[in-house]
Amino acid sequence: MYDAAWLSERQRELVAGFVRKVRTLVFSGVWCGDCAQQCPLIQRIVEANPEKMDLRFFAHAPEEELDPDLRMNGGSRVPVFSSFRKMGGGAALLETAL
């Protein structure tokens, strides 16, 4: 799947223009078909601006429950992408995509 994931030139230019560091946490599972399709594209986005993008994957076992804020319709569904940027002495949540 990674080899099939790509960004257009315009998308690479857009990501290359990021000026603030963005950290993205991904809850995923090797058993998850959606993760297998979506996570390689997120990796390609990070590769377009590695100085400003930081990506971490966390394994999620299907029997584990996610935090209620990360659930979709009450269920623990993956992948979940949460992006943060540094603010002062801490970090601010930019967005969580389910």
C-alpha atoms as a PDB file:
ATOM      1  CA  MET A   1       0.000   0.000   0.000  1.00  0.00           C
ATOM      2  CA  TYR A   2       2.856   2.403   0.735  1.00  0.00           C
ATOM      3  CA  ASP A   3       4.075   2.237  -2.863  1.00  0.00           C
ATOM      4  CA  ALA A   4       0.593   3.145  -4.115  1.00  0.00           C
ATOM      5  CA  ALA A   5       0.342   6.226  -1.847  1.00  0.00           C
ATOM      6  CA  TRP A   6       1.506   9.487  -3.386  1.00  0.00           C
ATOM      7  CA  LEU A   7       1.020  13.245  -3.213  1.00  0.00           C
ATOM      8  CA  SER A   8       0.579  15.538  -6.179  1.00  0.00           C
ATOM      9  CA  GLU A   9       3.183  18.219  -6.780  1.00  0.00           C
ATOM     10  CA  ARG A  10       0.747  20.847  -5.472  1.00  0.00           C
ATOM     11  CA  GLN A  11       0.122  18.816  -2.299  1.00  0.00           C
ATOM     12  CA  ARG A  12       3.877  18.418  -1.712  1.00  0.00           C
ATOM     13  CA  GLU A  13       4.342  22.180  -2.150  1.00  0.00           C
ATOM     14  CA  LEU A  14       1.548  22.889   0.317  1.00  0.00           C
ATOM     15  CA  VAL A  15       3.037  20.601   2.979  1.00  0.00           C
ATOM     16  CA  ALA A  16       6.554  21.919   2.309  1.00  0.00           C
ATOM     17  CA  GLY A  17       5.243  25.393   3.198  1.00  0.00           C
ATOM     18  CA  PHE A  18       4.350  24.461   6.791  1.00  0.00           C
ATOM     19  CA  VAL A  19       6.218  26.808   9.135  1.00  0.00           C
ATOM     20  CA  ARG A  20       5.214  25.350  12.511  1.00  0.00           C
ATOM     21  CA  LYS A  21       6.069  21.887  13.707  1.00  0.00           C
ATOM     22  CA  VAL A  22       3.072  19.542  13.629  1.00  0.00           C
ATOM     23  CA  ARG A  23       3.090  16.349  15.637  1.00  0.00           C
ATOM     24  CA  THR A  24       0.652  13.627  14.677  1.00  0.00           C
ATOM     25  CA  LEU A  25      -0.231  10.597  16.783  1.00  0.00           C
ATOM     26  CA  VAL A  26      -1.940   7.712  15.011  1.00  0.00           C
ATOM     27  CA  PHE A  27      -3.769   4.910  16.781  1.00  0.00           C
ATOM     28  CA  SER A  28      -3.844   2.042  14.304  1.00  0.00           C
ATOM     29  CA  GLY A  29      -3.837  -1.719  14.021  1.00  0.00           C
ATOM     30  CA  VAL A  30      -2.106  -4.077  11.612  1.00  0.00           C
ATOM     31  CA  TRP A  31      -5.412  -5.984  11.463  1.00  0.00           C
ATOM     32  CA  CYS A  32      -7.287  -2.886  10.209  1.00  0.00           C
ATOM     33  CA  GLY A  33      -7.966  -2.489   6.480  1.00  0.00           C
ATOM     34  CA  ASP A  34      -8.658   1.258   6.805  1.00  0.00           C
ATOM     35  CA  CYS A  35      -5.297   1.707   8.549  1.00  0.00           C
ATOM     36  CA  ALA A  36      -3.506  -0.168   5.777  1.00  0.00           C
ATOM     37  CA  GLN A  37      -4.993   2.244   3.229  1.00  0.00           C
ATOM     38  CA  GLN A  38      -4.769   5.559   5.102  1.00  0.00           C
ATOM     39  CA  CYS A  39      -1.561   5.367   7.143  1.00  0.00           C
ATOM     40  CA  PRO A  40       0.801   5.187   4.131  1.00  0.00           C
ATOM     41  CA  LEU A  41      -0.664   8.449   2.817  1.00  0.00           C
ATOM     42  CA  ILE A  42      -0.075  10.127   6.190  1.00  0.00           C
ATOM     43  CA  GLN A  43       3.517   8.861   6.021  1.00  0.00           C
ATOM     44  CA  ARG A  44       3.907  10.449   2.559  1.00  0.00           C
ATOM     45  CA  ILE A  45       2.630  13.765   3.929  1.00  0.00           C
ATOM     46  CA  VAL A  46       5.254  13.668   6.679  1.00  0.00           C
ATOM     47  CA  GLU A  47       7.967  12.809   4.155  1.00  0.00           C
ATOM     48  CA  ALA A  48       7.077  15.973   2.205  1.00  0.00           C
ATOM     49  CA  ASN A  49       8.284  18.136   5.127  1.00  0.00           C
ATOM     50  CA  PRO A  50      10.179  16.025   7.680  1.00  0.00           C
ATOM     51  CA  GLU A  51      11.632  19.112   9.391  1.00  0.00           C
ATOM     52  CA  LYS A  52       8.150  20.317  10.375  1.00  0.00           C
ATOM     53  CA  MET A  53       6.249  17.048  10.709  1.00  0.00           C
ATOM     54  CA  ASP A  54       6.593  14.377  13.368  1.00  0.00           C
ATOM     55  CA  LEU A  55       4.589  11.147  13.150  1.00  0.00           C
ATOM     56  CA  ARG A  56       4.139   8.414  15.740  1.00  0.00           C
ATOM     57  CA  PHE A  57       2.089   5.250  15.394  1.00  0.00           C
ATOM     58  CA  PHE A  58       0.575   3.497  18.393  1.00  0.00           C
ATOM     59  CA  ALA A  59      -0.648  -0.070  18.097  1.00  0.00           C
ATOM     60  CA  HIS A  60      -4.260  -0.525  19.092  1.00  0.00           C
ATOM     61  CA  ALA A  61      -5.476  -4.024  19.868  1.00  0.00           C
ATOM     62  CA  PRO A  62      -9.092  -4.642  18.808  1.00  0.00           C
ATOM     63  CA  GLU A  63     -10.111  -5.650  22.329  1.00  0.00           C
ATOM     64  CA  GLU A  64      -8.818  -2.386  23.875  1.00  0.00           C
ATOM     65  CA  GLU A  65     -11.090   0.606  24.419  1.00  0.00           C
ATOM     66  CA  LEU A  66     -10.000   4.044  23.244  1.00  0.00           C
ATOM     67  CA  ASP A  67     -10.522   7.182  25.290  1.00  0.00           C
ATOM     68  CA  PRO A  68     -14.130   8.403  24.914  1.00  0.00           C
ATOM     69  CA  ASP A  69     -12.910  11.515  23.031  1.00  0.00           C
ATOM     70  CA  LEU A  70     -11.358   9.247  20.387  1.00  0.00           C
ATOM     71  CA  ARG A  71     -14.391   7.048  19.781  1.00  0.00           C
ATOM     72  CA  MET A  72     -16.687   7.176  16.788  1.00  0.00           C
ATOM     73  CA  ASN A  73     -20.373   6.644  17.554  1.00  0.00           C
ATOM     74  CA  GLY A  74     -19.316   5.216  20.911  1.00  0.00           C
ATOM     75  CA  GLY A  75     -17.006   2.580  19.407  1.00  0.00           C
ATOM     76  CA  SER A  76     -13.231   2.207  19.422  1.00  0.00           C
ATOM     77  CA  ARG A  77     -12.574   2.593  15.713  1.00  0.00           C
ATOM     78  CA  VAL A  78      -9.162   3.071  14.119  1.00  0.00           C
ATOM     79  CA  PRO A  79      -7.310   4.746  12.571  1.00  0.00           C
ATOM     80  CA  VAL A  80      -7.487   7.852  14.725  1.00  0.00           C
ATOM     81  CA  PHE A  81      -5.208  10.762  13.812  1.00  0.00           C
ATOM     82  CA  SER A  82      -4.532  13.501  16.393  1.00  0.00           C
ATOM     83  CA  SER A  83      -2.349  16.463  15.432  1.00  0.00           C
ATOM     84  CA  PHE A  84      -0.678  18.830  17.883  1.00  0.00           C
ATOM     85  CA  ARG A  85       1.498  21.908  17.709  1.00  0.00           C
ATOM     86  CA  LYS A  86       3.745  23.318  20.386  1.00  0.00           C
ATOM     87  CA  MET A  87       2.456  26.314  22.294  1.00  0.00           C
ATOM     88  CA  GLY A  88       4.499  27.920  25.042  1.00  0.00           C
ATOM     89  CA  GLY A  89       5.596  25.196  27.437  1.00  0.00           C
ATOM     90  CA  GLY A  90       3.046  22.637  26.263  1.00  0.00           C
ATOM     91  CA  ALA A  91       1.161  21.369  23.248  1.00  0.00           C
ATOM     92  CA  ALA A  92      -2.220  22.265  21.788  1.00  0.00           C
ATOM     93  CA  LEU A  93      -4.491  19.810  20.048  1.00  0.00           C
ATOM     94  CA  LEU A  94      -5.107  20.989  16.495  1.00  0.00           C
ATOM     95  CA  GLU A  95      -7.466  18.312  15.272  1.00  0.00           C
ATOM     96  CA  THR A  96      -8.520  14.729  15.789  1.00  0.00           C
ATOM     97  CA  ALA A  97      -9.772  12.868  12.740  1.00  0.00           C
ATOM     98  CA  LEU A  98     -11.638   9.613  13.172  1.00  0.00           C
END
